[in-house]
Amino acid sequence: LANEAPAAAGNTVHWDADLTWSRGRFP
């Protein structure tokens, strides 16, 4: 998860989530 607070020149928030998961046998 990556968050970016509003920059001084604006008031826009960035919220980026990246998920990679697998189904299988993982003991």
PDB file of all heavy atoms in Angstrom:
ATOM      1  N   LEU A   1       0.850  -1.186   0.000  1.00  0.00           N
ATOM      2  CA  LEU A   1       0.000   0.000   0.000  1.00  0.00           C
ATOM      3  C   LEU A   1       0.881   1.229   0.000  1.00  0.00           C
ATOM      4  O   LEU A   1       1.827   1.336   0.788  1.00  0.00           O
ATOM      5  CB  LEU A   1      -0.903   0.009   1.245  1.00  0.00           C
ATOM      6  CG  LEU A   1      -1.803   1.234   1.450  1.00  0.00           C
ATOM      7  CD1 LEU A   1      -2.808   1.352   0.315  1.00  0.00           C
ATOM      8  CD2 LEU A   1      -2.508   1.159   2.796  1.00  0.00           C
ATOM      9  N   ALA A   2       0.593   2.158  -0.904  1.00  0.00           N
ATOM     10  CA  ALA A   2       1.349   3.400  -0.992  1.00  0.00           C
ATOM     11  C   ALA A   2       0.391   4.572  -0.858  1.00  0.00           C
ATOM     12  O   ALA A   2      -0.580   4.678  -1.607  1.00  0.00           O
ATOM     13  CB  ALA A   2       2.097   3.481  -2.317  1.00  0.00           C
ATOM     14  N   ASN A   3       0.660   5.438   0.112  1.00  0.00           N
ATOM     15  CA  ASN A   3      -0.128   6.640   0.320  1.00  0.00           C
ATOM     16  C   ASN A   3       0.732   7.854   0.018  1.00  0.00           C
ATOM     17  O   ASN A   3       1.910   7.899   0.375  1.00  0.00           O
ATOM     18  CB  ASN A   3      -0.631   6.751   1.764  1.00  0.00           C
ATOM     19  CG  ASN A   3      -1.574   5.620   2.119  1.00  0.00           C
ATOM     20  OD1 ASN A   3      -2.240   5.082   1.249  1.00  0.00           O
ATOM     21  ND2 ASN A   3      -1.614   5.255   3.386  1.00  0.00           N
ATOM     22  N   GLU A   4       0.139   8.822  -0.622  1.00  0.00           N
ATOM     23  CA  GLU A   4       0.842  10.070  -0.885  1.00  0.00           C
ATOM     24  C   GLU A   4      -0.025  11.223  -0.403  1.00  0.00           C
ATOM     25  O   GLU A   4      -1.146  11.416  -0.875  1.00  0.00           O
ATOM     26  CB  GLU A   4       1.130  10.226  -2.380  1.00  0.00           C
ATOM     27  CG  GLU A   4       1.950  11.467  -2.711  1.00  0.00           C
ATOM     28  CD  GLU A   4       2.299  11.543  -4.181  1.00  0.00           C
ATOM     29  OE1 GLU A   4       2.314  10.488  -4.839  1.00  0.00           O
ATOM     30  OE2 GLU A   4       2.542  12.658  -4.671  1.00  0.00           O
ATOM     31  N   ALA A   5       0.499  11.977   0.569  1.00  0.00           N
ATOM     32  CA  ALA A   5      -0.247  13.098   1.127  1.00  0.00           C
ATOM     33  C   ALA A   5      -0.367  14.210   0.097  1.00  0.00           C
ATOM     34  O   ALA A   5       0.419  14.281  -0.853  1.00  0.00           O
ATOM     35  CB  ALA A   5       0.443  13.610   2.387  1.00  0.00           C
ATOM     36  N   PRO A   6      -1.336  15.095   0.277  1.00  0.00           N
ATOM     37  CA  PRO A   6      -1.495  16.205  -0.664  1.00  0.00           C
ATOM     38  C   PRO A   6      -0.225  17.034  -0.778  1.00  0.00           C
ATOM     39  O   PRO A   6       0.429  17.340   0.211  1.00  0.00           O
ATOM     40  CB  PRO A   6      -2.637  17.021  -0.054  1.00  0.00           C
ATOM     41  CG  PRO A   6      -3.399  16.050   0.784  1.00  0.00           C
ATOM     42  CD  PRO A   6      -2.375  15.088   1.314  1.00  0.00           C
ATOM     43  N   ALA A   7       0.125  17.400  -1.996  1.00  0.00           N
ATOM     44  CA  ALA A   7       1.290  18.248  -2.211  1.00  0.00           C
ATOM     45  C   ALA A   7       0.959  19.688  -1.857  1.00  0.00           C
ATOM     46  O   ALA A   7      -0.202  20.071  -1.740  1.00  0.00           O
ATOM     47  CB  ALA A   7       1.735  18.157  -3.673  1.00  0.00           C
ATOM     48  N   ALA A   8       1.993  20.458  -1.687  1.00  0.00           N
ATOM     49  CA  ALA A   8       1.794  21.845  -1.292  1.00  0.00           C
ATOM     50  C   ALA A   8       0.998  22.627  -2.336  1.00  0.00           C
ATOM     51  O   ALA A   8       0.265  23.559  -2.019  1.00  0.00           O
ATOM     52  CB  ALA A   8       3.148  22.522  -1.052  1.00  0.00           C
ATOM     53  N   ALA A   9       1.125  22.226  -3.601  1.00  0.00           N
ATOM     54  CA  ALA A   9       0.458  22.962  -4.664  1.00  0.00           C
ATOM     55  C   ALA A   9      -0.997  22.551  -4.858  1.00  0.00           C
ATOM     56  O   ALA A   9      -1.726  23.176  -5.609  1.00  0.00           O
ATOM     57  CB  ALA A   9       1.214  22.773  -5.977  1.00  0.00           C
ATOM     58  N   GLY A  10      -1.423  21.491  -4.199  1.00  0.00           N
ATOM     59  CA  GLY A  10      -2.790  21.030  -4.381  1.00  0.00           C
ATOM     60  C   GLY A  10      -3.294  20.312  -3.154  1.00  0.00           C
ATOM     61  O   GLY A  10      -2.700  20.373  -2.095  1.00  0.00           O
ATOM     62  N   ASN A  11      -4.420  19.636  -3.314  1.00  0.00           N
ATOM     63  CA  ASN A  11      -5.004  18.922  -2.186  1.00  0.00           C
ATOM     64  C   ASN A  11      -5.532  17.578  -2.670  1.00  0.00           C
ATOM     65  O   ASN A  11      -6.675  17.219  -2.403  1.00  0.00           O
ATOM     66  CB  ASN A  11      -6.121  19.753  -1.558  1.00  0.00           C
ATOM     67  CG  ASN A  11      -6.365  19.359  -0.099  1.00  0.00           C
ATOM     68  OD1 ASN A  11      -5.531  18.695   0.514  1.00  0.00           O
ATOM     69  ND2 ASN A  11      -7.497  19.743   0.439  1.00  0.00           N
ATOM     70  N   THR A  12      -4.681  16.856  -3.385  1.00  0.00           N
ATOM     71  CA  THR A  12      -5.053  15.558  -3.929  1.00  0.00           C
ATOM     72  C   THR A  12      -4.302  14.448  -3.207  1.00  0.00           C
ATOM     73  O   THR A  12      -3.085  14.502  -3.063  1.00  0.00           O
ATOM     74  CB  THR A  12      -4.743  15.480  -5.439  1.00  0.00           C
ATOM     75  OG1 THR A  12      -5.466  16.505  -6.113  1.00  0.00           O
ATOM     76  CG2 THR A  12      -5.140  14.135  -6.002  1.00  0.00           C
ATOM     77  N   VAL A  13      -5.049  13.458  -2.754  1.00  0.00           N
ATOM     78  CA  VAL A  13      -4.489  12.321  -2.031  1.00  0.00           C
ATOM     79  C   VAL A  13      -4.405  11.126  -2.973  1.00  0.00           C
ATOM     80  O   VAL A  13      -5.338  10.874  -3.744  1.00  0.00           O
ATOM     81  CB  VAL A  13      -5.369  11.971  -0.810  1.00  0.00           C
ATOM     82  CG1 VAL A  13      -4.791  10.777  -0.072  1.00  0.00           C
ATOM     83  CG2 VAL A  13      -5.500  13.165   0.114  1.00  0.00           C
ATOM     84  N   HIS A  14      -3.295  10.391  -2.932  1.00  0.00           N
ATOM     85  CA  HIS A  14      -3.124   9.179  -3.717  1.00  0.00           C
ATOM     86  C   HIS A  14      -3.174   7.970  -2.778  1.00  0.00           C
ATOM     87  O   HIS A  14      -2.531   7.961  -1.731  1.00  0.00           O
ATOM     88  CB  HIS A  14      -1.786   9.193  -4.451  1.00  0.00           C
ATOM     89  CG  HIS A  14      -1.708  10.241  -5.516  1.00  0.00           C
ATOM     90  ND1 HIS A  14      -0.705  10.251  -6.468  1.00  0.00           N
ATOM     91  CD2 HIS A  14      -2.500  11.297  -5.800  1.00  0.00           C
ATOM     92  CE1 HIS A  14      -0.888  11.270  -7.287  1.00  0.00           C
ATOM     93  NE2 HIS A  14      -1.964  11.928  -6.889  1.00  0.00           N
ATOM     94  N   TRP A  15      -3.945   6.959  -3.172  1.00  0.00           N
ATOM     95  CA  TRP A  15      -4.050   5.714  -2.406  1.00  0.00           C
ATOM     96  C   TRP A  15      -3.925   4.566  -3.398  1.00  0.00           C
ATOM     97  O   TRP A  15      -4.830   4.334  -4.195  1.00  0.00           O
ATOM     98  CB  TRP A  15      -5.391   5.658  -1.677  1.00  0.00           C
ATOM     99  CG  TRP A  15      -5.508   4.581  -0.634  1.00  0.00           C
ATOM    100  CD1 TRP A  15      -5.174   4.677   0.692  1.00  0.00           C
ATOM    101  CD2 TRP A  15      -6.028   3.251  -0.811  1.00  0.00           C
ATOM    102  NE1 TRP A  15      -5.449   3.488   1.344  1.00  0.00           N
ATOM    103  CE2 TRP A  15      -5.964   2.594   0.449  1.00  0.00           C
ATOM    104  CE3 TRP A  15      -6.518   2.549  -1.905  1.00  0.00           C
ATOM    105  CZ2 TRP A  15      -6.390   1.291   0.628  1.00  0.00           C
ATOM    106  CZ3 TRP A  15      -6.929   1.236  -1.734  1.00  0.00           C
ATOM    107  CH2 TRP A  15      -6.869   0.617  -0.464  1.00  0.00           C
ATOM    108  N   ASP A  16      -2.774   3.880  -3.378  1.00  0.00           N
ATOM    109  CA  ASP A  16      -2.491   2.818  -4.343  1.00  0.00           C
ATOM    110  C   ASP A  16      -2.272   1.499  -3.613  1.00  0.00           C
ATOM    111  O   ASP A  16      -1.394   1.396  -2.746  1.00  0.00           O
ATOM    112  CB  ASP A  16      -1.229   3.131  -5.160  1.00  0.00           C
ATOM    113  CG  ASP A  16      -1.384   4.399  -5.989  1.00  0.00           C
ATOM    114  OD1 ASP A  16      -2.526   4.858  -6.133  1.00  0.00           O
ATOM    115  OD2 ASP A  16      -0.371   4.913  -6.485  1.00  0.00           O
ATOM    116  N   ALA A  17      -3.063   0.508  -3.966  1.00  0.00           N
ATOM    117  CA  ALA A  17      -2.913  -0.819  -3.368  1.00  0.00           C
ATOM    118  C   ALA A  17      -2.640  -1.827  -4.474  1.00  0.00           C
ATOM    119  O   ALA A  17      -3.300  -1.816  -5.522  1.00  0.00           O
ATOM    120  CB  ALA A  17      -4.167  -1.211  -2.591  1.00  0.00           C
ATOM    121  N   ASP A  18      -1.672  -2.692  -4.241  1.00  0.00           N
ATOM    122  CA  ASP A  18      -1.268  -3.691  -5.228  1.00  0.00           C
ATOM    123  C   ASP A  18      -1.229  -5.052  -4.545  1.00  0.00           C
ATOM    124  O   ASP A  18      -0.462  -5.256  -3.597  1.00  0.00           O
ATOM    125  CB  ASP A  18       0.101  -3.333  -5.802  1.00  0.00           C
ATOM    126  CG  ASP A  18       0.402  -4.078  -7.091  1.00  0.00           C
ATOM    127  OD1 ASP A  18      -0.397  -4.956  -7.465  1.00  0.00           O
ATOM    128  OD2 ASP A  18       1.425  -3.789  -7.717  1.00  0.00           O
ATOM    129  N   LEU A  19      -2.086  -5.974  -5.000  1.00  0.00           N
ATOM    130  CA  LEU A  19      -2.178  -7.302  -4.397  1.00  0.00           C
ATOM    131  C   LEU A  19      -1.924  -8.367  -5.454  1.00  0.00           C
ATOM    132  O   LEU A  19      -2.472  -8.312  -6.548  1.00  0.00           O
ATOM    133  CB  LEU A  19      -3.564  -7.554  -3.792  1.00  0.00           C
ATOM    134  CG  LEU A  19      -3.906  -6.956  -2.428  1.00  0.00           C
ATOM    135  CD1 LEU A  19      -3.963  -5.449  -2.496  1.00  0.00           C
ATOM    136  CD2 LEU A  19      -5.253  -7.490  -1.946  1.00  0.00           C
ATOM    137  N   THR A  20      -1.076  -9.323  -5.117  1.00  0.00           N
ATOM    138  CA  THR A  20      -0.862 -10.496  -5.957  1.00  0.00           C
ATOM    139  C   THR A  20      -0.925 -11.715  -5.052  1.00  0.00           C
ATOM    140  O   THR A  20      -0.143 -11.826  -4.110  1.00  0.00           O
ATOM    141  CB  THR A  20       0.506 -10.451  -6.665  1.00  0.00           C
ATOM    142  OG1 THR A  20       0.605  -9.252  -7.431  1.00  0.00           O
ATOM    143  CG2 THR A  20       0.671 -11.651  -7.585  1.00  0.00           C
ATOM    144  N   TRP A  21      -1.870 -12.595  -5.337  1.00  0.00           N
ATOM    145  CA  TRP A  21      -1.963 -13.783  -4.500  1.00  0.00           C
ATOM    146  C   TRP A  21      -2.187 -15.022  -5.358  1.00  0.00           C
ATOM    147  O   TRP A  21      -2.576 -14.927  -6.507  1.00  0.00           O
ATOM    148  CB  TRP A  21      -3.044 -13.652  -3.433  1.00  0.00           C
ATOM    149  CG  TRP A  21      -4.474 -13.671  -3.893  1.00  0.00           C
ATOM    150  CD1 TRP A  21      -5.295 -14.748  -4.010  1.00  0.00           C
ATOM    151  CD2 TRP A  21      -5.259 -12.525  -4.269  1.00  0.00           C
ATOM    152  NE1 TRP A  21      -6.532 -14.359  -4.438  1.00  0.00           N
ATOM    153  CE2 TRP A  21      -6.544 -13.016  -4.599  1.00  0.00           C
ATOM    154  CE3 TRP A  21      -5.005 -11.161  -4.350  1.00  0.00           C
ATOM    155  CZ2 TRP A  21      -7.570 -12.161  -5.012  1.00  0.00           C
ATOM    156  CZ3 TRP A  21      -6.023 -10.319  -4.762  1.00  0.00           C
ATOM    157  CH2 TRP A  21      -7.288 -10.814  -5.078  1.00  0.00           C
ATOM    158  N   SER A  22      -1.888 -16.176  -4.764  1.00  0.00           N
ATOM    159  CA  SER A  22      -1.920 -17.443  -5.485  1.00  0.00           C
ATOM    160  C   SER A  22      -2.725 -18.454  -4.704  1.00  0.00           C
ATOM    161  O   SER A  22      -2.760 -18.425  -3.472  1.00  0.00           O
ATOM    162  CB  SER A  22      -0.504 -17.988  -5.703  1.00  0.00           C
ATOM    163  OG  SER A  22       0.310 -17.034  -6.345  1.00  0.00           O
ATOM    164  N   ARG A  23      -3.349 -19.333  -5.415  1.00  0.00           N
ATOM    165  CA  ARG A  23      -4.049 -20.458  -4.799  1.00  0.00           C
ATOM    166  C   ARG A  23      -3.268 -21.721  -5.097  1.00  0.00           C
ATOM    167  O   ARG A  23      -2.931 -22.000  -6.246  1.00  0.00           O
ATOM    168  CB  ARG A  23      -5.473 -20.568  -5.354  1.00  0.00           C
ATOM    169  CG  ARG A  23      -6.374 -19.417  -4.942  1.00  0.00           C
ATOM    170  CD  ARG A  23      -7.755 -19.559  -5.540  1.00  0.00           C
ATOM    171  NE  ARG A  23      -8.615 -18.460  -5.141  1.00  0.00           N
ATOM    172  CZ  ARG A  23      -9.852 -18.276  -5.595  1.00  0.00           C
ATOM    173  NH1 ARG A  23     -10.365 -19.127  -6.460  1.00  0.00           N
ATOM    174  NH2 ARG A  23     -10.571 -17.245  -5.183  1.00  0.00           N
ATOM    175  N   GLY A  24      -3.010 -22.480  -4.089  1.00  0.00           N
ATOM    176  CA  GLY A  24      -2.240 -23.702  -4.282  1.00  0.00           C
ATOM    177  C   GLY A  24      -1.925 -24.324  -2.945  1.00  0.00           C
ATOM    178  O   GLY A  24      -2.577 -24.044  -1.940  1.00  0.00           O
ATOM    179  N   ARG A  25      -0.929 -25.183  -2.915  1.00  0.00           N
ATOM    180  CA  ARG A  25      -0.519 -25.839  -1.669  1.00  0.00           C
ATOM    181  C   ARG A  25       0.721 -25.143  -1.139  1.00  0.00           C
ATOM    182  O   ARG A  25       1.794 -25.231  -1.728  1.00  0.00           O
ATOM    183  CB  ARG A  25      -0.247 -27.325  -1.930  1.00  0.00           C
ATOM    184  CG  ARG A  25      -1.499 -28.123  -2.254  1.00  0.00           C
ATOM    185  CD  ARG A  25      -1.159 -29.570  -2.529  1.00  0.00           C
ATOM    186  NE  ARG A  25      -0.373 -29.706  -3.764  1.00  0.00           N
ATOM    187  CZ  ARG A  25       0.233 -30.839  -4.127  1.00  0.00           C
ATOM    188  NH1 ARG A  25       0.185 -31.903  -3.338  1.00  0.00           N
ATOM    189  NH2 ARG A  25       0.902 -30.900  -5.261  1.00  0.00           N
ATOM    190  N   PHE A  26       0.553 -24.456  -0.040  1.00  0.00           N
ATOM    191  CA  PHE A  26       1.660 -23.742   0.599  1.00  0.00           C
ATOM    192  C   PHE A  26       1.708 -24.195   2.062  1.00  0.00           C
ATOM    193  O   PHE A  26       0.979 -23.681   2.906  1.00  0.00           O
ATOM    194  CB  PHE A  26       1.452 -22.224   0.511  1.00  0.00           C
ATOM    195  CG  PHE A  26       1.421 -21.713  -0.906  1.00  0.00           C
ATOM    196  CD1 PHE A  26       0.233 -21.583  -1.588  1.00  0.00           C
ATOM    197  CD2 PHE A  26       2.604 -21.385  -1.557  1.00  0.00           C
ATOM    198  CE1 PHE A  26       0.200 -21.121  -2.886  1.00  0.00           C
ATOM    199  CE2 PHE A  26       2.581 -20.917  -2.870  1.00  0.00           C
ATOM    200  CZ  PHE A  26       1.376 -20.792  -3.533  1.00  0.00           C
ATOM    201  N   PRO A  27       2.529 -25.174   2.361  1.00  0.00           N
ATOM    202  CA  PRO A  27       2.479 -25.817   3.684  1.00  0.00           C
ATOM    203  C   PRO A  27       2.893 -24.916   4.832  1.00  0.00           C
ATOM    204  O   PRO A  27       2.648 -25.253   5.988  1.00  0.00           O
ATOM    205  CB  PRO A  27       3.447 -26.999   3.528  1.00  0.00           C
ATOM    206  CG  PRO A  27       4.364 -26.585   2.417  1.00  0.00           C
ATOM    207  CD  PRO A  27       3.528 -25.786   1.480  1.00  0.00           C
TER     208      PRO A  27
END
